Amino acid sequence: MEENGDDSKEAAAAKAEAAKKAEALKEKELGNQAYKAKRFEEAIQHYNRALELYDKDISFITNRVAAERNMHS
């Protein structure tokens, strides 16, 4: 059974979104590592990059806020 053009486009879009989400999760992990090392500015940069890649995960925002609060305390 062959996919029609719309199914193929949807599959490609889903694959692209999954790749962006995976890259965003890598950025989040780098942010978490920086946060644990008290490199808060670096952590914020990673969380911001994660948000640019995939803006549907609220943990990127909450982690960034935590880093911002620690940076200013």
PDB file of N, CA and C in Angstrom:
ATOM      1  N   MET A   1       0.838  -1.178   0.000  1.00  0.00           N
ATOM      2  CA  MET A   1       0.000   0.000   0.000  1.00  0.00           C
ATOM      3  C   MET A   1       0.885   1.244   0.000  1.00  0.00           C
ATOM      4  N   GLU A   2       0.691   2.095  -0.971  1.00  0.00           N
ATOM      5  CA  GLU A   2       1.507   3.300  -1.083  1.00  0.00           C
ATOM      6  C   GLU A   2       0.875   4.454  -0.317  1.00  0.00           C
ATOM      7  N   GLU A   3       1.749   5.303   0.222  1.00  0.00           N
ATOM      8  CA  GLU A   3       1.250   6.510   0.885  1.00  0.00           C
ATOM      9  C   GLU A   3       0.914   7.537  -0.178  1.00  0.00           C
ATOM     10  N   ASN A   4      -0.133   8.294   0.060  1.00  0.00           N
ATOM     11  CA  ASN A   4      -0.393   9.392  -0.873  1.00  0.00           C
ATOM     12  C   ASN A   4       0.443  10.589  -0.452  1.00  0.00           C
ATOM     13  N   GLY A   5       0.401  11.652  -1.229  1.00  0.00           N
ATOM     14  CA  GLY A   5       1.228  12.822  -0.955  1.00  0.00           C
ATOM     15  C   GLY A   5       1.002  13.428   0.407  1.00  0.00           C
ATOM     16  N   ASP A   6      -0.259  13.500   0.855  1.00  0.00           N
ATOM     17  CA  ASP A   6      -0.560  14.094   2.158  1.00  0.00           C
ATOM     18  C   ASP A   6       0.010  13.259   3.294  1.00  0.00           C
ATOM     19  N   ASP A   7      -0.139  11.932   3.200  1.00  0.00           N
ATOM     20  CA  ASP A   7       0.403  11.057   4.237  1.00  0.00           C
ATOM     21  C   ASP A   7       1.916  11.175   4.301  1.00  0.00           C
ATOM     22  N   SER A   8       2.538  11.266   3.149  1.00  0.00           N
ATOM     23  CA  SER A   8       3.986  11.394   3.089  1.00  0.00           C
ATOM     24  C   SER A   8       4.438  12.708   3.722  1.00  0.00           C
ATOM     25  N   LYS A   9       3.718  13.781   3.448  1.00  0.00           N
ATOM     26  CA  LYS A   9       4.055  15.081   4.041  1.00  0.00           C
ATOM     27  C   LYS A   9       3.859  15.057   5.547  1.00  0.00           C
ATOM     28  N   GLU A  10       2.779  14.425   5.995  1.00  0.00           N
ATOM     29  CA  GLU A  10       2.524  14.320   7.435  1.00  0.00           C
ATOM     30  C   GLU A  10       3.606  13.501   8.116  1.00  0.00           C
ATOM     31  N   ALA A  11       4.016  12.417   7.478  1.00  0.00           N
ATOM     32  CA  ALA A  11       5.072  11.579   8.044  1.00  0.00           C
ATOM     33  C   ALA A  11       6.384  12.350   8.124  1.00  0.00           C
ATOM     34  N   ALA A  12       6.694  13.108   7.088  1.00  0.00           N
ATOM     35  CA  ALA A  12       7.919  13.907   7.084  1.00  0.00           C
ATOM     36  C   ALA A  12       7.868  14.979   8.165  1.00  0.00           C
ATOM     37  N   ALA A  13       6.714  15.612   8.332  1.00  0.00           N
ATOM     38  CA  ALA A  13       6.563  16.641   9.364  1.00  0.00           C
ATOM     39  C   ALA A  13       6.699  16.032  10.755  1.00  0.00           C
ATOM     40  N   ALA A  14       6.109  14.862  10.951  1.00  0.00           N
ATOM     41  CA  ALA A  14       6.203  14.193  12.252  1.00  0.00           C
ATOM     42  C   ALA A  14       7.645  13.802  12.545  1.00  0.00           C
ATOM     43  N   LYS A  15       8.346  13.330  11.530  1.00  0.00           N
ATOM     44  CA  LYS A  15       9.750  12.950  11.704  1.00  0.00           C
ATOM     45  C   LYS A  15      10.602  14.172  12.040  1.00  0.00           C
ATOM     46  N   ALA A  16      10.351  15.286  11.363  1.00  0.00           N
ATOM     47  CA  ALA A  16      11.101  16.517  11.626  1.00  0.00           C
ATOM     48  C   ALA A  16      10.833  17.020  13.040  1.00  0.00           C
ATOM     49  N   GLU A  17       9.574  16.949  13.475  1.00  0.00           N
ATOM     50  CA  GLU A  17       9.248  17.393  14.831  1.00  0.00           C
ATOM     51  C   GLU A  17       9.901  16.487  15.870  1.00  0.00           C
ATOM     52  N   ALA A  18       9.915  15.190  15.618  1.00  0.00           N
ATOM     53  CA  ALA A  18      10.553  14.253  16.545  1.00  0.00           C
ATOM     54  C   ALA A  18      12.050  14.531  16.647  1.00  0.00           C
ATOM     55  N   ALA A  19      12.680  14.867  15.529  1.00  0.00           N
ATOM     56  CA  ALA A  19      14.108  15.189  15.537  1.00  0.00           C
ATOM     57  C   ALA A  19      14.367  16.466  16.331  1.00  0.00           C
ATOM     58  N   LYS A  20      13.510  17.470  16.160  1.00  0.00           N
ATOM     59  CA  LYS A  20      13.662  18.717  16.924  1.00  0.00           C
ATOM     60  C   LYS A  20      13.466  18.464  18.412  1.00  0.00           C
ATOM     61  N   LYS A  21      12.491  17.631  18.752  1.00  0.00           N
ATOM     62  CA  LYS A  21      12.247  17.317  20.157  1.00  0.00           C
ATOM     63  C   LYS A  21      13.448  16.597  20.757  1.00  0.00           C
ATOM     64  N   ALA A  22      14.019  15.656  20.022  1.00  0.00           N
ATOM     65  CA  ALA A  22      15.193  14.929  20.511  1.00  0.00           C
ATOM     66  C   ALA A  22      16.363  15.882  20.736  1.00  0.00           C
ATOM     67  N   GLU A  23      16.576  16.804  19.810  1.00  0.00           N
ATOM     68  CA  GLU A  23      17.654  17.786  19.957  1.00  0.00           C
ATOM     69  C   GLU A  23      17.373  18.708  21.141  1.00  0.00           C
ATOM     70  N   ALA A  24      16.125  19.086  21.321  1.00  0.00           N
ATOM     71  CA  ALA A  24      15.749  19.934  22.453  1.00  0.00           C
ATOM     72  C   ALA A  24      16.016  19.223  23.773  1.00  0.00           C
ATOM     73  N   LEU A  25      15.732  17.939  23.828  1.00  0.00           N
ATOM     74  CA  LEU A  25      15.981  17.181  25.059  1.00  0.00           C
ATOM     75  C   LEU A  25      17.476  17.077  25.352  1.00  0.00           C
ATOM     76  N   LYS A  26      18.296  17.018  24.307  1.00  0.00           N
ATOM     77  CA  LYS A  26      19.754  17.041  24.504  1.00  0.00           C
ATOM     78  C   LYS A  26      20.176  18.385  25.091  1.00  0.00           C
ATOM     79  N   GLU A  27      19.597  19.468  24.564  1.00  0.00           N
ATOM     80  CA  GLU A  27      19.904  20.804  25.093  1.00  0.00           C
ATOM     81  C   GLU A  27      19.472  20.915  26.553  1.00  0.00           C
ATOM     82  N   LYS A  28      18.314  20.352  26.872  1.00  0.00           N
ATOM     83  CA  LYS A  28      17.845  20.374  28.258  1.00  0.00           C
ATOM     84  C   LYS A  28      18.834  19.644  29.159  1.00  0.00           C
ATOM     85  N   GLU A  29      19.317  18.496  28.712  1.00  0.00           N
ATOM     86  CA  GLU A  29      20.273  17.733  29.520  1.00  0.00           C
ATOM     87  C   GLU A  29      21.564  18.521  29.718  1.00  0.00           C
ATOM     88  N   LEU A  30      22.033  19.194  28.673  1.00  0.00           N
ATOM     89  CA  LEU A  30      23.218  20.047  28.814  1.00  0.00           C
ATOM     90  C   LEU A  30      22.939  21.181  29.799  1.00  0.00           C
ATOM     91  N   GLY A  31      21.742  21.731  29.741  1.00  0.00           N
ATOM     92  CA  GLY A  31      21.342  22.760  30.697  1.00  0.00           C
ATOM     93  C   GLY A  31      21.320  22.226  32.116  1.00  0.00           C
ATOM     94  N   ASN A  32      20.804  21.028  32.284  1.00  0.00           N
ATOM     95  CA  ASN A  32      20.764  20.416  33.612  1.00  0.00           C
ATOM     96  C   ASN A  32      22.170  20.204  34.161  1.00  0.00           C
ATOM     97  N   GLN A  33      23.084  19.770  33.299  1.00  0.00           N
ATOM     98  CA  GLN A  33      24.471  19.576  33.735  1.00  0.00           C
ATOM     99  C   GLN A  33      25.099  20.906  34.148  1.00  0.00           C
ATOM    100  N   ALA A  34      24.861  21.947  33.356  1.00  0.00           N
ATOM    101  CA  ALA A  34      25.390  23.273  33.687  1.00  0.00           C
ATOM    102  C   ALA A  34      24.777  23.777  34.986  1.00  0.00           C
ATOM    103  N   TYR A  35      23.497  23.557  35.162  1.00  0.00           N
ATOM    104  CA  TYR A  35      22.803  23.983  36.383  1.00  0.00           C
ATOM    105  C   TYR A  35      23.423  23.315  37.612  1.00  0.00           C
ATOM    106  N   LYS A  36      23.629  22.007  37.528  1.00  0.00           N
ATOM    107  CA  LYS A  36      24.214  21.274  38.660  1.00  0.00           C
ATOM    108  C   LYS A  36      25.608  21.783  38.997  1.00  0.00           C
ATOM    109  N   ALA A  37      26.328  22.271  37.980  1.00  0.00           N
ATOM    110  CA  ALA A  37      27.670  22.821  38.183  1.00  0.00           C
ATOM    111  C   ALA A  37      27.630  24.305  38.546  1.00  0.00           C
ATOM    112  N   LYS A  38      26.415  24.833  38.751  1.00  0.00           N
ATOM    113  CA  LYS A  38      26.198  26.233  39.119  1.00  0.00           C
ATOM    114  C   LYS A  38      26.653  27.209  38.034  1.00  0.00           C
ATOM    115  N   ARG A  39      26.633  26.752  36.787  1.00  0.00           N
ATOM    116  CA  ARG A  39      26.907  27.618  35.634  1.00  0.00           C
ATOM    117  C   ARG A  39      25.546  28.036  35.074  1.00  0.00           C
ATOM    118  N   PHE A  40      24.914  28.956  35.788  1.00  0.00           N
ATOM    119  CA  PHE A  40      23.519  29.286  35.509  1.00  0.00           C
ATOM    120  C   PHE A  40      23.315  29.989  34.168  1.00  0.00           C
ATOM    121  N   GLU A  41      24.226  30.887  33.790  1.00  0.00           N
ATOM    122  CA  GLU A  41      24.086  31.550  32.486  1.00  0.00           C
ATOM    123  C   GLU A  41      24.131  30.533  31.354  1.00  0.00           C
ATOM    124  N   GLU A  42      25.051  29.598  31.458  1.00  0.00           N
ATOM    125  CA  GLU A  42      25.163  28.543  30.445  1.00  0.00           C
ATOM    126  C   GLU A  42      23.896  27.689  30.420  1.00  0.00           C
ATOM    127  N   ALA A  43      23.387  27.368  31.596  1.00  0.00           N
ATOM    128  CA  ALA A  43      22.158  26.572  31.682  1.00  0.00           C
ATOM    129  C   ALA A  43      21.007  27.290  30.986  1.00  0.00           C
ATOM    130  N   ILE A  44      20.890  28.590  31.228  1.00  0.00           N
ATOM    131  CA  ILE A  44      19.821  29.383  30.609  1.00  0.00           C
ATOM    132  C   ILE A  44      19.941  29.344  29.087  1.00  0.00           C
ATOM    133  N   GLN A  45      21.152  29.443  28.578  1.00  0.00           N
ATOM    134  CA  GLN A  45      21.348  29.388  27.128  1.00  0.00           C
ATOM    135  C   GLN A  45      20.859  28.055  26.558  1.00  0.00           C
ATOM    136  N   HIS A  46      21.169  26.967  27.252  1.00  0.00           N
ATOM    137  CA  HIS A  46      20.728  25.649  26.783  1.00  0.00           C
ATOM    138  C   HIS A  46      19.206  25.517  26.847  1.00  0.00           C
ATOM    139  N   TYR A  47      18.600  26.002  27.914  1.00  0.00           N
ATOM    140  CA  TYR A  47      17.141  25.921  28.021  1.00  0.00           C
ATOM    141  C   TYR A  47      16.471  26.787  26.952  1.00  0.00           C
ATOM    142  N   ASN A  48      17.053  27.955  26.674  1.00  0.00           N
ATOM    143  CA  ASN A  48      16.513  28.806  25.606  1.00  0.00           C
ATOM    144  C   ASN A  48      16.600  28.104  24.257  1.00  0.00           C
ATOM    145  N   ARG A  49      17.717  27.459  24.009  1.00  0.00           N
ATOM    146  CA  ARG A  49      17.885  26.727  22.741  1.00  0.00           C
ATOM    147  C   ARG A  49      16.864  25.590  22.659  1.00  0.00           C
ATOM    148  N   ALA A  50      16.646  24.896  23.769  1.00  0.00           N
ATOM    149  CA  ALA A  50      15.651  23.823  23.796  1.00  0.00           C
ATOM    150  C   ALA A  50      14.275  24.372  23.431  1.00  0.00           C
ATOM    151  N   LEU A  51      13.938  25.533  23.975  1.00  0.00           N
ATOM    152  CA  LEU A  51      12.646  26.161  23.669  1.00  0.00           C
ATOM    153  C   LEU A  51      12.535  26.572  22.205  1.00  0.00           C
ATOM    154  N   GLU A  52      13.628  27.040  21.635  1.00  0.00           N
ATOM    155  CA  GLU A  52      13.615  27.405  20.218  1.00  0.00           C
ATOM    156  C   GLU A  52      13.335  26.181  19.346  1.00  0.00           C
ATOM    157  N   LEU A  53      13.887  25.056  19.752  1.00  0.00           N
ATOM    158  CA  LEU A  53      13.726  23.833  18.970  1.00  0.00           C
ATOM    159  C   LEU A  53      12.347  23.207  19.142  1.00  0.00           C
ATOM    160  N   TYR A  54      11.845  23.262  20.375  1.00  0.00           N
ATOM    161  CA  TYR A  54      10.594  22.553  20.688  1.00  0.00           C
ATOM    162  C   TYR A  54       9.921  23.281  21.840  1.00  0.00           C
ATOM    163  N   ASP A  55       8.888  24.035  21.549  1.00  0.00           N
ATOM    164  CA  ASP A  55       8.269  24.895  22.564  1.00  0.00           C
ATOM    165  C   ASP A  55       7.082  24.255  23.282  1.00  0.00           C
ATOM    166  N   LYS A  56       6.951  22.942  23.198  1.00  0.00           N
ATOM    167  CA  LYS A  56       5.801  22.268  23.800  1.00  0.00           C
ATOM    168  C   LYS A  56       6.120  21.577  25.121  1.00  0.00           C
ATOM    169  N   ASP A  57       7.335  21.732  25.611  1.00  0.00           N
ATOM    170  CA  ASP A  57       7.733  21.086  26.867  1.00  0.00           C
ATOM    171  C   ASP A  57       7.940  22.169  27.924  1.00  0.00           C
ATOM    172  N   ILE A  58       7.023  22.224  28.880  1.00  0.00           N
ATOM    173  CA  ILE A  58       7.065  23.287  29.892  1.00  0.00           C
ATOM    174  C   ILE A  58       8.284  23.178  30.806  1.00  0.00           C
ATOM    175  N   SER A  59       8.892  22.009  30.891  1.00  0.00           N
ATOM    176  CA  SER A  59      10.059  21.866  31.765  1.00  0.00           C
ATOM    177  C   SER A  59      11.221  22.736  31.304  1.00  0.00           C
ATOM    178  N   PHE A  60      11.290  23.056  30.019  1.00  0.00           N
ATOM    179  CA  PHE A  60      12.350  23.945  29.547  1.00  0.00           C
ATOM    180  C   PHE A  60      12.183  25.327  30.180  1.00  0.00           C
ATOM    181  N   ILE A  61      10.947  25.760  30.313  1.00  0.00           N
ATOM    182  CA  ILE A  61      10.660  27.065  30.916  1.00  0.00           C
ATOM    183  C   ILE A  61      10.912  27.029  32.416  1.00  0.00           C
ATOM    184  N   THR A  62      10.407  26.006  33.084  1.00  0.00           N
ATOM    185  CA  THR A  62      10.571  25.945  34.541  1.00  0.00           C
ATOM    186  C   THR A  62      12.041  25.798  34.922  1.00  0.00           C
ATOM    187  N   ASN A  63      12.794  25.046  34.147  1.00  0.00           N
ATOM    188  CA  ASN A  63      14.225  24.909  34.434  1.00  0.00           C
ATOM    189  C   ASN A  63      14.947  26.235  34.214  1.00  0.00           C
ATOM    190  N   ARG A  64      14.559  26.953  33.165  1.00  0.00           N
ATOM    191  CA  ARG A  64      15.179  28.257  32.902  1.00  0.00           C
ATOM    192  C   ARG A  64      14.887  29.233  34.040  1.00  0.00           C
ATOM    193  N   VAL A  65      13.648  29.245  34.513  1.00  0.00           N
ATOM    194  CA  VAL A  65      13.280  30.128  35.624  1.00  0.00           C
ATOM    195  C   VAL A  65      14.102  29.785  36.865  1.00  0.00           C
ATOM    196  N   ALA A  66      14.275  28.508  37.135  1.00  0.00           N
ATOM    197  CA  ALA A  66      15.079  28.101  38.296  1.00  0.00           C
ATOM    198  C   ALA A  66      16.516  28.596  38.152  1.00  0.00           C
ATOM    199  N   ALA A  67      17.074  28.476  36.963  1.00  0.00           N
ATOM    200  CA  ALA A  67      18.442  28.953  36.735  1.00  0.00           C
ATOM    201  C   ALA A  67      18.520  30.466  36.890  1.00  0.00           C
ATOM    202  N   GLU A  68      17.523  31.178  36.366  1.00  0.00           N
ATOM    203  CA  GLU A  68      17.500  32.640  36.500  1.00  0.00           C
ATOM    204  C   GLU A  68      17.419  33.054  37.959  1.00  0.00           C
ATOM    205  N   ARG A  69      16.598  32.378  38.727  1.00  0.00           N
ATOM    206  CA  ARG A  69      16.455  32.716  40.151  1.00  0.00           C
ATOM    207  C   ARG A  69      17.758  32.459  40.900  1.00  0.00           C
ATOM    208  N   ASN A  70      18.426  31.368  40.593  1.00  0.00           N
ATOM    209  CA  ASN A  70      19.689  31.063  41.258  1.00  0.00           C
ATOM    210  C   ASN A  70      20.791  32.018  40.834  1.00  0.00           C
ATOM    211  N   MET A  71      20.738  32.481  39.609  1.00  0.00           N
ATOM    212  CA  MET A  71      21.752  33.409  39.118  1.00  0.00           C
ATOM    213  C   MET A  71      21.670  34.739  39.859  1.00  0.00           C
ATOM    214  N   HIS A  72      20.473  35.120  40.269  1.00  0.00           N
ATOM    215  CA  HIS A  72      20.268  36.418  40.915  1.00  0.00           C
ATOM    216  C   HIS A  72      20.177  36.328  42.436  1.00  0.00           C
ATOM    217  N   SER A  73      20.487  35.170  42.979  1.00  0.00           N
ATOM    218  CA  SER A  73      20.394  35.060  44.449  1.00  0.00           C
ATOM    219  C   SER A  73      21.758  35.057  45.092  1.00  0.00           C
TER     220      SER A  73
END
